Amino acid sequence: MAKNISSKKTNFANNRPNCLKVTKKAQKVNLQKVQIVDEFGNTVKVRLSAREIRAAKKAA
């Protein structure tokens, strides 16, 4: 089972159609399951956002 280590939360924004009626919409985080290797050489399944995965690839 993948652990959710991302601290990102759902973002709430306004939905504005042409009639200008304001309703709330939820923008979910793009969480994906990836396997990372810890300092002991074990692979661990974690859930990270797409932005965090991209940043980790650039740092490695």
PDB file of N, CA and C in Angstrom:
ATOM      1  N   MET A   1       0.842  -1.178   0.000  1.00  0.00           N
ATOM      2  CA  MET A   1       0.000   0.000   0.000  1.00  0.00           C
ATOM      3  C   MET A   1       0.888   1.242   0.000  1.00  0.00           C
ATOM      4  N   ALA A   2       0.561   2.205  -0.829  1.00  0.00           N
ATOM      5  CA  ALA A   2       1.363   3.412  -0.964  1.00  0.00           C
ATOM      6  C   ALA A   2       1.031   4.399   0.151  1.00  0.00           C
ATOM      7  N   LYS A   3       2.070   5.026   0.696  1.00  0.00           N
ATOM      8  CA  LYS A   3       1.887   6.031   1.732  1.00  0.00           C
ATOM      9  C   LYS A   3       1.780   7.401   1.096  1.00  0.00           C
ATOM     10  N   ASN A   4       0.883   8.205   1.608  1.00  0.00           N
ATOM     11  CA  ASN A   4       0.675   9.562   1.099  1.00  0.00           C
ATOM     12  C   ASN A   4       1.600  10.492   1.862  1.00  0.00           C
ATOM     13  N   ILE A   5       2.747  10.868   1.257  1.00  0.00           N
ATOM     14  CA  ILE A   5       3.688  11.757   1.940  1.00  0.00           C
ATOM     15  C   ILE A   5       3.596  13.188   1.427  1.00  0.00           C
ATOM     16  N   SER A   6       2.712  13.438   0.493  1.00  0.00           N
ATOM     17  CA  SER A   6       2.536  14.782  -0.042  1.00  0.00           C
ATOM     18  C   SER A   6       1.708  15.606   0.939  1.00  0.00           C
ATOM     19  N   SER A   7       2.098  16.855   1.129  1.00  0.00           N
ATOM     20  CA  SER A   7       1.367  17.730   2.045  1.00  0.00           C
ATOM     21  C   SER A   7       0.351  18.606   1.311  1.00  0.00           C
ATOM     22  N   LYS A   8       0.169  18.372   0.017  1.00  0.00           N
ATOM     23  CA  LYS A   8      -0.738  19.197  -0.772  1.00  0.00           C
ATOM     24  C   LYS A   8      -2.194  18.821  -0.482  1.00  0.00           C
ATOM     25  N   LYS A   9      -3.056  19.819  -0.509  1.00  0.00           N
ATOM     26  CA  LYS A   9      -4.477  19.639  -0.236  1.00  0.00           C
ATOM     27  C   LYS A   9      -5.298  20.066  -1.453  1.00  0.00           C
ATOM     28  N   THR A  10      -6.586  19.760  -1.424  1.00  0.00           N
ATOM     29  CA  THR A  10      -7.500  20.170  -2.482  1.00  0.00           C
ATOM     30  C   THR A  10      -7.658  21.681  -2.470  1.00  0.00           C
ATOM     31  N   ASN A  11      -7.593  22.291  -3.662  1.00  0.00           N
ATOM     32  CA  ASN A  11      -7.760  23.727  -3.804  1.00  0.00           C
ATOM     33  C   ASN A  11      -9.200  24.021  -4.230  1.00  0.00           C
ATOM     34  N   PHE A  12      -9.821  25.018  -3.606  1.00  0.00           N
ATOM     35  CA  PHE A  12     -11.185  25.398  -3.946  1.00  0.00           C
ATOM     36  C   PHE A  12     -11.155  26.724  -4.683  1.00  0.00           C
ATOM     37  N   ALA A  13     -11.838  26.776  -5.819  1.00  0.00           N
ATOM     38  CA  ALA A  13     -11.877  27.978  -6.646  1.00  0.00           C
ATOM     39  C   ALA A  13     -13.312  28.245  -7.061  1.00  0.00           C
ATOM     40  N   ASN A  14     -13.511  29.399  -7.689  1.00  0.00           N
ATOM     41  CA  ASN A  14     -14.840  29.763  -8.163  1.00  0.00           C
ATOM     42  C   ASN A  14     -15.046  29.273  -9.586  1.00  0.00           C
ATOM     43  N   ASN A  15     -16.228  28.726  -9.857  1.00  0.00           N
ATOM     44  CA  ASN A  15     -16.631  28.339 -11.201  1.00  0.00           C
ATOM     45  C   ASN A  15     -17.491  29.472 -11.747  1.00  0.00           C
ATOM     46  N   ARG A  16     -17.020  30.141 -12.819  1.00  0.00           N
ATOM     47  CA  ARG A  16     -17.734  31.294 -13.363  1.00  0.00           C
ATOM     48  C   ARG A  16     -18.173  31.019 -14.789  1.00  0.00           C
ATOM     49  N   PRO A  17     -19.427  30.587 -15.022  1.00  0.00           N
ATOM     50  CA  PRO A  17     -19.925  30.412 -16.384  1.00  0.00           C
ATOM     51  C   PRO A  17     -20.306  31.764 -16.991  1.00  0.00           C
ATOM     52  N   ASN A  18     -20.872  31.734 -18.187  1.00  0.00           N
ATOM     53  CA  ASN A  18     -21.237  32.976 -18.877  1.00  0.00           C
ATOM     54  C   ASN A  18     -22.303  33.771 -18.148  1.00  0.00           C
ATOM     55  N   CYS A  19     -23.151  33.103 -17.373  1.00  0.00           N
ATOM     56  CA  CYS A  19     -24.200  33.817 -16.643  1.00  0.00           C
ATOM     57  C   CYS A  19     -23.659  34.444 -15.353  1.00  0.00           C
ATOM     58  N   LEU A  20     -22.385  34.252 -15.054  1.00  0.00           N
ATOM     59  CA  LEU A  20     -21.685  34.829 -13.907  1.00  0.00           C
ATOM     60  C   LEU A  20     -22.204  34.330 -12.560  1.00  0.00           C
ATOM     61  N   LYS A  21     -22.895  33.210 -12.554  1.00  0.00           N
ATOM     62  CA  LYS A  21     -23.332  32.609 -11.297  1.00  0.00           C
ATOM     63  C   LYS A  21     -22.128  31.921 -10.647  1.00  0.00           C
ATOM     64  N   VAL A  22     -21.824  32.292  -9.414  1.00  0.00           N
ATOM     65  CA  VAL A  22     -20.619  31.799  -8.750  1.00  0.00           C
ATOM     66  C   VAL A  22     -20.942  30.537  -7.961  1.00  0.00           C
ATOM     67  N   THR A  23     -20.240  29.467  -8.262  1.00  0.00           N
ATOM     68  CA  THR A  23     -20.313  28.244  -7.470  1.00  0.00           C
ATOM     69  C   THR A  23     -18.893  27.773  -7.206  1.00  0.00           C
ATOM     70  N   LYS A  24     -18.712  27.029  -6.145  1.00  0.00           N
ATOM     71  CA  LYS A  24     -17.393  26.533  -5.781  1.00  0.00           C
ATOM     72  C   LYS A  24     -17.087  25.248  -6.535  1.00  0.00           C
ATOM     73  N   LYS A  25     -15.837  25.107  -6.939  1.00  0.00           N
ATOM     74  CA  LYS A  25     -15.384  23.856  -7.547  1.00  0.00           C
ATOM     75  C   LYS A  25     -14.094  23.436  -6.850  1.00  0.00           C
ATOM     76  N   ALA A  26     -13.864  22.137  -6.812  1.00  0.00           N
ATOM     77  CA  ALA A  26     -12.670  21.599  -6.174  1.00  0.00           C
ATOM     78  C   ALA A  26     -11.660  21.212  -7.237  1.00  0.00           C
ATOM     79  N   GLN A  27     -10.428  21.658  -7.048  1.00  0.00           N
ATOM     80  CA  GLN A  27      -9.331  21.280  -7.934  1.00  0.00           C
ATOM     81  C   GLN A  27      -8.467  20.290  -7.173  1.00  0.00           C
ATOM     82  N   LYS A  28      -8.542  19.022  -7.584  1.00  0.00           N
ATOM     83  CA  LYS A  28      -7.821  17.962  -6.877  1.00  0.00           C
ATOM     84  C   LYS A  28      -6.340  17.974  -7.243  1.00  0.00           C
ATOM     85  N   VAL A  29      -5.534  17.436  -6.356  1.00  0.00           N
ATOM     86  CA  VAL A  29      -4.096  17.302  -6.584  1.00  0.00           C
ATOM     87  C   VAL A  29      -3.854  16.065  -7.446  1.00  0.00           C
ATOM     88  N   ASN A  30      -2.906  16.159  -8.371  1.00  0.00           N
ATOM     89  CA  ASN A  30      -2.572  15.061  -9.273  1.00  0.00           C
ATOM     90  C   ASN A  30      -1.612  14.110  -8.551  1.00  0.00           C
ATOM     91  N   LEU A  31      -2.161  13.238  -7.685  1.00  0.00           N
ATOM     92  CA  LEU A  31      -1.342  12.283  -6.939  1.00  0.00           C
ATOM     93  C   LEU A  31      -1.146  11.023  -7.755  1.00  0.00           C
ATOM     94  N   GLN A  32       0.105  10.544  -7.778  1.00  0.00           N
ATOM     95  CA  GLN A  32       0.447   9.349  -8.521  1.00  0.00           C
ATOM     96  C   GLN A  32       1.293   8.444  -7.642  1.00  0.00           C
ATOM     97  N   LYS A  33       1.135   7.133  -7.844  1.00  0.00           N
ATOM     98  CA  LYS A  33       1.924   6.160  -7.090  1.00  0.00           C
ATOM     99  C   LYS A  33       3.260   5.944  -7.781  1.00  0.00           C
ATOM    100  N   VAL A  34       4.341   6.089  -7.035  1.00  0.00           N
ATOM    101  CA  VAL A  34       5.681   5.849  -7.559  1.00  0.00           C
ATOM    102  C   VAL A  34       6.458   5.031  -6.539  1.00  0.00           C
ATOM    103  N   GLN A  35       7.497   4.361  -7.014  1.00  0.00           N
ATOM    104  CA  GLN A  35       8.384   3.610  -6.140  1.00  0.00           C
ATOM    105  C   GLN A  35       9.693   4.371  -6.027  1.00  0.00           C
ATOM    106  N   ILE A  36      10.135   4.610  -4.790  1.00  0.00           N
ATOM    107  CA  ILE A  36      11.413   5.274  -4.572  1.00  0.00           C
ATOM    108  C   ILE A  36      12.304   4.345  -3.770  1.00  0.00           C
ATOM    109  N   VAL A  37      13.595   4.570  -3.859  1.00  0.00           N
ATOM    110  CA  VAL A  37      14.575   3.762  -3.131  1.00  0.00           C
ATOM    111  C   VAL A  37      15.034   4.570  -1.930  1.00  0.00           C
ATOM    112  N   ASP A  38      14.897   3.996  -0.715  1.00  0.00           N
ATOM    113  CA  ASP A  38      15.320   4.706   0.483  1.00  0.00           C
ATOM    114  C   ASP A  38      16.822   4.529   0.698  1.00  0.00           C
ATOM    115  N   GLU A  39      17.337   5.066   1.810  1.00  0.00           N
ATOM    116  CA  GLU A  39      18.779   5.046   2.058  1.00  0.00           C
ATOM    117  C   GLU A  39      19.329   3.647   2.322  1.00  0.00           C
ATOM    118  N   PHE A  40      18.471   2.689   2.635  1.00  0.00           N
ATOM    119  CA  PHE A  40      18.912   1.315   2.890  1.00  0.00           C
ATOM    120  C   PHE A  40      18.829   0.442   1.642  1.00  0.00           C
ATOM    121  N   GLY A  41      18.364   0.971   0.526  1.00  0.00           N
ATOM    122  CA  GLY A  41      18.250   0.221  -0.712  1.00  0.00           C
ATOM    123  C   GLY A  41      16.912  -0.461  -0.908  1.00  0.00           C
ATOM    124  N   ASN A  42      15.968  -0.239  -0.007  1.00  0.00           N
ATOM    125  CA  ASN A  42      14.634  -0.828  -0.130  1.00  0.00           C
ATOM    126  C   ASN A  42      13.749   0.066  -0.998  1.00  0.00           C
ATOM    127  N   THR A  43      12.870  -0.550  -1.772  1.00  0.00           N
ATOM    128  CA  THR A  43      11.921   0.229  -2.558  1.00  0.00           C
ATOM    129  C   THR A  43      10.643   0.421  -1.748  1.00  0.00           C
ATOM    130  N   VAL A  44      10.131   1.645  -1.779  1.00  0.00           N
ATOM    131  CA  VAL A  44       8.939   2.018  -1.021  1.00  0.00           C
ATOM    132  C   VAL A  44       7.952   2.659  -1.985  1.00  0.00           C
ATOM    133  N   LYS A  45       6.688   2.247  -1.913  1.00  0.00           N
ATOM    134  CA  LYS A  45       5.647   2.849  -2.733  1.00  0.00           C
ATOM    135  C   LYS A  45       5.083   4.063  -1.996  1.00  0.00           C
ATOM    136  N   VAL A  46       5.092   5.195  -2.675  1.00  0.00           N
ATOM    137  CA  VAL A  46       4.567   6.426  -2.090  1.00  0.00           C
ATOM    138  C   VAL A  46       3.664   7.113  -3.106  1.00  0.00           C
ATOM    139  N   ARG A  47       2.828   8.010  -2.605  1.00  0.00           N
ATOM    140  CA  ARG A  47       1.960   8.819  -3.473  1.00  0.00           C
ATOM    141  C   ARG A  47       2.483  10.242  -3.431  1.00  0.00           C
ATOM    142  N   LEU A  48       2.917  10.748  -4.585  1.00  0.00           N
ATOM    143  CA  LEU A  48       3.431  12.099  -4.710  1.00  0.00           C
ATOM    144  C   LEU A  48       2.657  12.832  -5.789  1.00  0.00           C
ATOM    145  N   SER A  49       2.670  14.156  -5.714  1.00  0.00           N
ATOM    146  CA  SER A  49       2.051  14.939  -6.776  1.00  0.00           C
ATOM    147  C   SER A  49       2.984  14.928  -7.984  1.00  0.00           C
ATOM    148  N   ALA A  50       2.432  15.222  -9.146  1.00  0.00           N
ATOM    149  CA  ALA A  50       3.212  15.218 -10.381  1.00  0.00           C
ATOM    150  C   ALA A  50       4.342  16.241 -10.307  1.00  0.00           C
ATOM    151  N   ARG A  51       4.123  17.357  -9.683  1.00  0.00           N
ATOM    152  CA  ARG A  51       5.154  18.378  -9.551  1.00  0.00           C
ATOM    153  C   ARG A  51       6.297  17.895  -8.657  1.00  0.00           C
ATOM    154  N   GLU A  52       5.970  17.187  -7.570  1.00  0.00           N
ATOM    155  CA  GLU A  52       7.005  16.664  -6.680  1.00  0.00           C
ATOM    156  C   GLU A  52       7.819  15.570  -7.353  1.00  0.00           C
ATOM    157  N   ILE A  53       7.170  14.746  -8.187  1.00  0.00           N
ATOM    158  CA  ILE A  53       7.883  13.702  -8.923  1.00  0.00           C
ATOM    159  C   ILE A  53       8.872  14.345  -9.885  1.00  0.00           C
ATOM    160  N   ARG A  54       8.438  15.390 -10.581  1.00  0.00           N
ATOM    161  CA  ARG A  54       9.300  16.077 -11.527  1.00  0.00           C
ATOM    162  C   ARG A  54      10.489  16.732 -10.836  1.00  0.00           C
ATOM    163  N   ALA A  55      10.256  17.334  -9.663  1.00  0.00           N
ATOM    164  CA  ALA A  55      11.332  17.974  -8.905  1.00  0.00           C
ATOM    165  C   ALA A  55      12.325  16.937  -8.389  1.00  0.00           C
ATOM    166  N   ALA A  56      11.831  15.764  -7.993  1.00  0.00           N
ATOM    167  CA  ALA A  56      12.717  14.712  -7.492  1.00  0.00           C
ATOM    168  C   ALA A  56      13.597  14.155  -8.619  1.00  0.00           C
ATOM    169  N   LYS A  57      13.033  14.051  -9.831  1.00  0.00           N
ATOM    170  CA  LYS A  57      13.829  13.575 -10.963  1.00  0.00           C
ATOM    171  C   LYS A  57      14.922  14.561 -11.327  1.00  0.00           C
ATOM    172  N   LYS A  58      14.618  15.865 -11.247  1.00  0.00           N
ATOM    173  CA  LYS A  58      15.627  16.872 -11.552  1.00  0.00           C
ATOM    174  C   LYS A  58      16.736  16.891 -10.498  1.00  0.00           C
ATOM    175  N   ALA A  59      16.372  16.646  -9.228  1.00  0.00           N
ATOM    176  CA  ALA A  59      17.361  16.682  -8.147  1.00  0.00           C
ATOM    177  C   ALA A  59      18.262  15.455  -8.172  1.00  0.00           C
ATOM    178  N   ALA A  60      17.773  14.337  -8.717  1.00  0.00           N
ATOM    179  CA  ALA A  60      18.569  13.114  -8.716  1.00  0.00           C
ATOM    180  C   ALA A  60      19.574  13.070  -9.853  1.00  0.00           C
TER     181      ALA A  60
END
